[in-house]
């Protein structure tokens, strides 16, 4: 049974929103000090990367170039090279890249359902 790509899009949006809540009011040192929050950010980055991987190619192509492959590569790094995770890179992605991806994903949602139903 195949899952509709729009459900993956919903997962992406939900995970990006969670990351925004997890890092709100924090800096890198505060996030690094809170192991549970850091691990939650990592998990949600994995969800985002997996969701992007599941988009049909023509839908993934609608995302800005930097968001087409980057999330999937980061997901693979977290899953397979967890020992090489750099907190500064995770912070940069969470605070600088996820907001742009969230905006692009919300735009895709709006285009997929222009009536908001």
C-alpha atoms as a PDB file:
ATOM      1  CA  UNK A   1       0.000   0.000   0.000  1.00  0.00           C
ATOM      2  CA  UNK A   2       1.431   3.326  -1.088  1.00  0.00           C
ATOM      3  CA  UNK A   3       1.026   6.431   1.028  1.00  0.00           C
ATOM      4  CA  UNK A   4      -0.103   9.652  -0.635  1.00  0.00           C
ATOM      5  CA  UNK A   5       2.685  12.220  -0.924  1.00  0.00           C
ATOM      6  CA  UNK A   6       0.455  14.836   0.690  1.00  0.00           C
ATOM      7  CA  UNK A   7       0.605  12.866   3.935  1.00  0.00           C
ATOM      8  CA  UNK A   8       4.402  13.067   3.788  1.00  0.00           C
ATOM      9  CA  UNK A   9       4.043  16.790   3.183  1.00  0.00           C
ATOM     10  CA  UNK A  10       1.886  17.030   6.309  1.00  0.00           C
ATOM     11  CA  UNK A  11       4.567  15.102   8.245  1.00  0.00           C
ATOM     12  CA  UNK A  12       7.231  17.507   7.008  1.00  0.00           C
ATOM     13  CA  UNK A  13       5.228  20.541   8.120  1.00  0.00           C
ATOM     14  CA  UNK A  14       4.450  19.024  11.521  1.00  0.00           C
ATOM     15  CA  UNK A  15       8.106  18.140  12.145  1.00  0.00           C
ATOM     16  CA  UNK A  16       9.357  21.558  11.026  1.00  0.00           C
ATOM     17  CA  UNK A  17       6.851  23.205  13.369  1.00  0.00           C
ATOM     18  CA  UNK A  18       8.042  20.986  16.224  1.00  0.00           C
ATOM     19  CA  UNK A  19      11.642  21.967  15.553  1.00  0.00           C
ATOM     20  CA  UNK A  20      10.650  25.636  15.655  1.00  0.00           C
ATOM     21  CA  UNK A  21       9.047  25.088  19.061  1.00  0.00           C
ATOM     22  CA  UNK A  22      12.010  23.076  20.342  1.00  0.00           C
ATOM     23  CA  UNK A  23      14.579  25.757  19.501  1.00  0.00           C
ATOM     24  CA  UNK A  24      12.464  28.807  20.355  1.00  0.00           C
ATOM     25  CA  UNK A  25      14.234  30.994  22.882  1.00  0.00           C
ATOM     26  CA  UNK A  26      17.386  28.869  22.822  1.00  0.00           C
ATOM     27  CA  UNK A  27      20.847  29.226  21.433  1.00  0.00           C
ATOM     28  CA  UNK A  28      23.222  26.458  20.394  1.00  0.00           C
ATOM     29  CA  UNK A  29      24.600  25.966  23.897  1.00  0.00           C
ATOM     30  CA  UNK A  30      21.132  25.710  25.439  1.00  0.00           C
ATOM     31  CA  UNK A  31      20.030  23.164  22.848  1.00  0.00           C
ATOM     32  CA  UNK A  32      23.226  21.159  23.256  1.00  0.00           C
ATOM     33  CA  UNK A  33      22.726  21.124  27.046  1.00  0.00           C
ATOM     34  CA  UNK A  34      19.168  19.774  26.755  1.00  0.00           C
ATOM     35  CA  UNK A  35      19.702  16.221  25.528  1.00  0.00           C
ATOM     36  CA  UNK A  36      16.001  15.473  25.143  1.00  0.00           C
ATOM     37  CA  UNK A  37      15.391  18.581  23.031  1.00  0.00           C
ATOM     38  CA  UNK A  38      18.510  17.923  20.929  1.00  0.00           C
ATOM     39  CA  UNK A  39      17.423  14.335  20.307  1.00  0.00           C
ATOM     40  CA  UNK A  40      13.904  15.518  19.437  1.00  0.00           C
ATOM     41  CA  UNK A  41      15.345  17.938  16.879  1.00  0.00           C
ATOM     42  CA  UNK A  42      17.404  15.091  15.386  1.00  0.00           C
ATOM     43  CA  UNK A  43      14.362  12.842  15.173  1.00  0.00           C
ATOM     44  CA  UNK A  44      12.280  15.515  13.477  1.00  0.00           C
ATOM     45  CA  UNK A  45      15.086  16.240  11.004  1.00  0.00           C
ATOM     46  CA  UNK A  46      15.022  12.534  10.155  1.00  0.00           C
ATOM     47  CA  UNK A  47      11.263  12.682   9.596  1.00  0.00           C
ATOM     48  CA  UNK A  48      11.692  15.704   7.321  1.00  0.00           C
ATOM     49  CA  UNK A  49      14.405  13.976   5.316  1.00  0.00           C
ATOM     50  CA  UNK A  50      12.390  10.797   4.918  1.00  0.00           C
ATOM     51  CA  UNK A  51       9.292  12.760   3.946  1.00  0.00           C
ATOM     52  CA  UNK A  52      11.186  14.643   1.226  1.00  0.00           C
ATOM     53  CA  UNK A  53      12.554  11.319  -0.074  1.00  0.00           C
ATOM     54  CA  UNK A  54       8.991  10.065  -0.484  1.00  0.00           C
ATOM     55  CA  UNK A  55       7.801  13.018  -2.580  1.00  0.00           C
ATOM     56  CA  UNK A  56       7.313  12.200  -6.247  1.00  0.00           C
ATOM     57  CA  UNK A  57      10.195  13.692  -8.246  1.00  0.00           C
ATOM     58  CA  UNK A  58       7.943  16.266  -9.897  1.00  0.00           C
ATOM     59  CA  UNK A  59       6.743  17.497  -6.488  1.00  0.00           C
ATOM     60  CA  UNK A  60      10.219  17.511  -4.950  1.00  0.00           C
ATOM     61  CA  UNK A  61      11.322  19.644  -7.916  1.00  0.00           C
ATOM     62  CA  UNK A  62       8.862  22.332  -6.756  1.00  0.00           C
ATOM     63  CA  UNK A  63      10.915  22.892  -3.603  1.00  0.00           C
ATOM     64  CA  UNK A  64      13.783  25.399  -3.690  1.00  0.00           C
ATOM     65  CA  UNK A  65      16.955  23.683  -4.931  1.00  0.00           C
ATOM     66  CA  UNK A  66      18.646  23.543  -1.519  1.00  0.00           C
ATOM     67  CA  UNK A  67      15.652  21.714  -0.042  1.00  0.00           C
ATOM     68  CA  UNK A  68      15.399  19.035  -2.722  1.00  0.00           C
ATOM     69  CA  UNK A  69      18.251  16.783  -1.609  1.00  0.00           C
ATOM     70  CA  UNK A  70      19.666  18.395   1.545  1.00  0.00           C
ATOM     71  CA  UNK A  71      17.054  17.058   3.982  1.00  0.00           C
ATOM     72  CA  UNK A  72      17.441  13.508   2.661  1.00  0.00           C
ATOM     73  CA  UNK A  73      21.240  13.674   2.905  1.00  0.00           C
ATOM     74  CA  UNK A  74      21.004  14.954   6.477  1.00  0.00           C
ATOM     75  CA  UNK A  75      18.521  12.181   7.322  1.00  0.00           C
ATOM     76  CA  UNK A  76      21.009   9.614   6.026  1.00  0.00           C
ATOM     77  CA  UNK A  77      23.820  11.193   8.024  1.00  0.00           C
ATOM     78  CA  UNK A  78      21.786  11.089  11.237  1.00  0.00           C
ATOM     79  CA  UNK A  79      20.622   7.513  10.641  1.00  0.00           C
ATOM     80  CA  UNK A  80      23.833   5.966   9.362  1.00  0.00           C
ATOM     81  CA  UNK A  81      26.645   8.202  10.634  1.00  0.00           C
ATOM     82  CA  UNK A  82      25.184   9.251  13.974  1.00  0.00           C
ATOM     83  CA  UNK A  83      28.676   9.240  15.442  1.00  0.00           C
ATOM     84  CA  UNK A  84      29.623  12.141  13.156  1.00  0.00           C
ATOM     85  CA  UNK A  85      26.777  14.474  14.120  1.00  0.00           C
ATOM     86  CA  UNK A  86      27.979  18.009  14.721  1.00  0.00           C
ATOM     87  CA  UNK A  87      25.751  20.061  17.036  1.00  0.00           C
ATOM     88  CA  UNK A  88      26.709  23.285  15.246  1.00  0.00           C
ATOM     89  CA  UNK A  89      25.517  21.900  11.909  1.00  0.00           C
ATOM     90  CA  UNK A  90      22.279  20.665  13.476  1.00  0.00           C
ATOM     91  CA  UNK A  91      21.726  24.099  15.021  1.00  0.00           C
ATOM     92  CA  UNK A  92      22.410  25.814  11.697  1.00  0.00           C
ATOM     93  CA  UNK A  93      19.970  23.553   9.882  1.00  0.00           C
ATOM     94  CA  UNK A  94      17.294  23.875  12.559  1.00  0.00           C
ATOM     95  CA  UNK A  95      17.542  27.637  12.925  1.00  0.00           C
ATOM     96  CA  UNK A  96      18.418  28.736   9.378  1.00  0.00           C
ATOM     97  CA  UNK A  97      17.236  26.097   6.905  1.00  0.00           C
ATOM     98  CA  UNK A  98      14.143  24.534   8.458  1.00  0.00           C
ATOM     99  CA  UNK A  99      12.184  27.821   8.487  1.00  0.00           C
ATOM    100  CA  UNK A 100      12.656  28.223   4.723  1.00  0.00           C
ATOM    101  CA  UNK A 101      11.726  24.610   4.098  1.00  0.00           C
ATOM    102  CA  UNK A 102       8.626  25.045   6.257  1.00  0.00           C
ATOM    103  CA  UNK A 103       7.571  28.078   4.221  1.00  0.00           C
ATOM    104  CA  UNK A 104       8.095  26.168   0.961  1.00  0.00           C
ATOM    105  CA  UNK A 105       6.161  23.164   2.299  1.00  0.00           C
ATOM    106  CA  UNK A 106       3.269  25.363   3.384  1.00  0.00           C
ATOM    107  CA  UNK A 107       3.218  26.867  -0.103  1.00  0.00           C
ATOM    108  CA  UNK A 108       3.017  23.364  -1.589  1.00  0.00           C
ATOM    109  CA  UNK A 109       0.134  22.583   0.764  1.00  0.00           C
ATOM    110  CA  UNK A 110      -1.692  25.737  -0.299  1.00  0.00           C
ATOM    111  CA  UNK A 111      -1.195  24.920  -3.977  1.00  0.00           C
ATOM    112  CA  UNK A 112      -2.338  21.334  -3.461  1.00  0.00           C
ATOM    113  CA  UNK A 113      -5.475  22.483  -1.632  1.00  0.00           C
ATOM    114  CA  UNK A 114      -6.241  26.072  -2.680  1.00  0.00           C
ATOM    115  CA  UNK A 115      -9.593  26.025  -0.841  1.00  0.00           C
ATOM    116  CA  UNK A 116      -7.976  25.086   2.448  1.00  0.00           C
ATOM    117  CA  UNK A 117     -10.276  22.096   2.850  1.00  0.00           C
END
